[in-house]
Amino acid sequence: MVARMRPRGAGYVVRIDAPWQDFPTDDPATDTRRMNAYIERCILEMPEQYNGKHKRFKTRPRGEARFYA
């Protein structure tokens, strides 16, 4: 599923793609490459709407190093 904002805040357009066939496989590396390629294609369709600033790991367990500066 991919969502994009319409111009001037007029709502969203949502695209639901067909489920992937033969996924997941027994190879996590192959599955990861496939998922990353899909995400990259989606970002390239509308790069101006990609929020690459999401800090998923900003909260860390006590004593562990931070991921972000």
C-alpha atoms as a PDB file:
ATOM      1  CA  MET A   1       0.000   0.000   0.000  1.00  0.00           C
ATOM      2  CA  VAL A   2       1.300   3.433  -0.944  1.00  0.00           C
ATOM      3  CA  ALA A   3      -0.333   6.735  -0.045  1.00  0.00           C
ATOM      4  CA  ARG A   4       0.407  10.136  -1.503  1.00  0.00           C
ATOM      5  CA  MET A   5      -0.922  13.565  -0.616  1.00  0.00           C
ATOM      6  CA  ARG A   6      -3.007  15.387  -3.179  1.00  0.00           C
ATOM      7  CA  PRO A   7      -2.045  18.945  -4.097  1.00  0.00           C
ATOM      8  CA  ARG A   8      -3.139  21.764  -1.778  1.00  0.00           C
ATOM      9  CA  GLY A   9      -4.105  19.373   1.019  1.00  0.00           C
ATOM     10  CA  ALA A  10      -7.058  17.944  -0.908  1.00  0.00           C
ATOM     11  CA  GLY A  11      -6.764  14.519   0.708  1.00  0.00           C
ATOM     12  CA  TYR A  12      -4.828  11.433  -0.274  1.00  0.00           C
ATOM     13  CA  VAL A  13      -4.572   8.890  -3.062  1.00  0.00           C
ATOM     14  CA  VAL A  14      -4.002   5.335  -1.865  1.00  0.00           C
ATOM     15  CA  ARG A  15      -2.708   2.549  -4.091  1.00  0.00           C
ATOM     16  CA  ILE A  16      -2.972  -1.046  -2.960  1.00  0.00           C
ATOM     17  CA  ASP A  17      -0.659  -3.301  -4.932  1.00  0.00           C
ATOM     18  CA  ALA A  18      -1.239  -7.000  -5.487  1.00  0.00           C
ATOM     19  CA  PRO A  19       0.294  -9.301  -2.877  1.00  0.00           C
ATOM     20  CA  TRP A  20       3.745 -10.545  -3.726  1.00  0.00           C
ATOM     21  CA  GLN A  21       4.008 -14.093  -4.985  1.00  0.00           C
ATOM     22  CA  ASP A  22       6.549 -16.436  -3.409  1.00  0.00           C
ATOM     23  CA  PHE A  23       7.208 -14.134  -0.464  1.00  0.00           C
ATOM     24  CA  PRO A  24       8.750 -14.578   1.969  1.00  0.00           C
ATOM     25  CA  THR A  25      11.349 -17.049   0.799  1.00  0.00           C
ATOM     26  CA  ASP A  26      13.858 -19.044   2.801  1.00  0.00           C
ATOM     27  CA  ASP A  27      16.493 -16.382   2.094  1.00  0.00           C
ATOM     28  CA  PRO A  28      16.190 -13.301   4.325  1.00  0.00           C
ATOM     29  CA  ALA A  29      18.819 -11.411   2.294  1.00  0.00           C
ATOM     30  CA  THR A  30      16.851 -11.898  -0.936  1.00  0.00           C
ATOM     31  CA  ASP A  31      13.626 -10.873   0.788  1.00  0.00           C
ATOM     32  CA  THR A  32      15.290  -7.756   2.181  1.00  0.00           C
ATOM     33  CA  ARG A  33      16.636  -6.745  -1.248  1.00  0.00           C
ATOM     34  CA  ARG A  34      13.180  -7.223  -2.760  1.00  0.00           C
ATOM     35  CA  MET A  35      11.479  -5.141  -0.073  1.00  0.00           C
ATOM     36  CA  ASN A  36      14.110  -2.394  -0.291  1.00  0.00           C
ATOM     37  CA  ALA A  37      13.775  -2.258  -4.090  1.00  0.00           C
ATOM     38  CA  TYR A  38       9.997  -1.865  -3.737  1.00  0.00           C
ATOM     39  CA  ILE A  39      10.393   0.920  -1.188  1.00  0.00           C
ATOM     40  CA  GLU A  40      12.942   2.658  -3.432  1.00  0.00           C
ATOM     41  CA  ARG A  41      10.564   2.527  -6.427  1.00  0.00           C
ATOM     42  CA  CYS A  42       7.784   4.038  -4.316  1.00  0.00           C
ATOM     43  CA  ILE A  43      10.052   6.838  -3.104  1.00  0.00           C
ATOM     44  CA  LEU A  44      11.233   7.598  -6.646  1.00  0.00           C
ATOM     45  CA  GLU A  45       7.592   7.990  -7.768  1.00  0.00           C
ATOM     46  CA  MET A  46       7.151  10.915  -5.368  1.00  0.00           C
ATOM     47  CA  PRO A  47      10.454  11.841  -3.707  1.00  0.00           C
ATOM     48  CA  GLU A  48       9.104  15.184  -2.523  1.00  0.00           C
ATOM     49  CA  GLN A  49       6.739  13.318  -0.195  1.00  0.00           C
ATOM     50  CA  TYR A  50       9.272  10.944   1.314  1.00  0.00           C
ATOM     51  CA  ASN A  51       9.983  11.616   4.977  1.00  0.00           C
ATOM     52  CA  GLY A  52      13.465  10.263   5.483  1.00  0.00           C
ATOM     53  CA  LYS A  53      13.780  11.927   8.864  1.00  0.00           C
ATOM     54  CA  HIS A  54      11.808   9.363  10.846  1.00  0.00           C
ATOM     55  CA  LYS A  55      13.951   8.392  13.817  1.00  0.00           C
ATOM     56  CA  ARG A  56      12.674   4.919  14.566  1.00  0.00           C
ATOM     57  CA  PHE A  57      15.408   4.140  17.065  1.00  0.00           C
ATOM     58  CA  LYS A  58      15.692   7.478  18.868  1.00  0.00           C
ATOM     59  CA  THR A  59      14.813   5.837  22.187  1.00  0.00           C
ATOM     60  CA  ARG A  60      17.563   3.445  23.225  1.00  0.00           C
ATOM     61  CA  PRO A  61      17.968   1.191  26.241  1.00  0.00           C
ATOM     62  CA  ARG A  62      19.909   2.790  29.093  1.00  0.00           C
ATOM     63  CA  GLY A  63      23.641   2.616  28.460  1.00  0.00           C
ATOM     64  CA  GLU A  64      23.413   1.871  24.719  1.00  0.00           C
ATOM     65  CA  ALA A  65      24.868   4.241  22.130  1.00  0.00           C
ATOM     66  CA  ARG A  66      22.577   6.599  20.214  1.00  0.00           C
ATOM     67  CA  PHE A  67      21.985   6.026  16.493  1.00  0.00           C
ATOM     68  CA  TYR A  68      21.510   9.707  15.709  1.00  0.00           C
ATOM     69  CA  ALA A  69      23.652  12.764  16.430  1.00  0.00           C
END
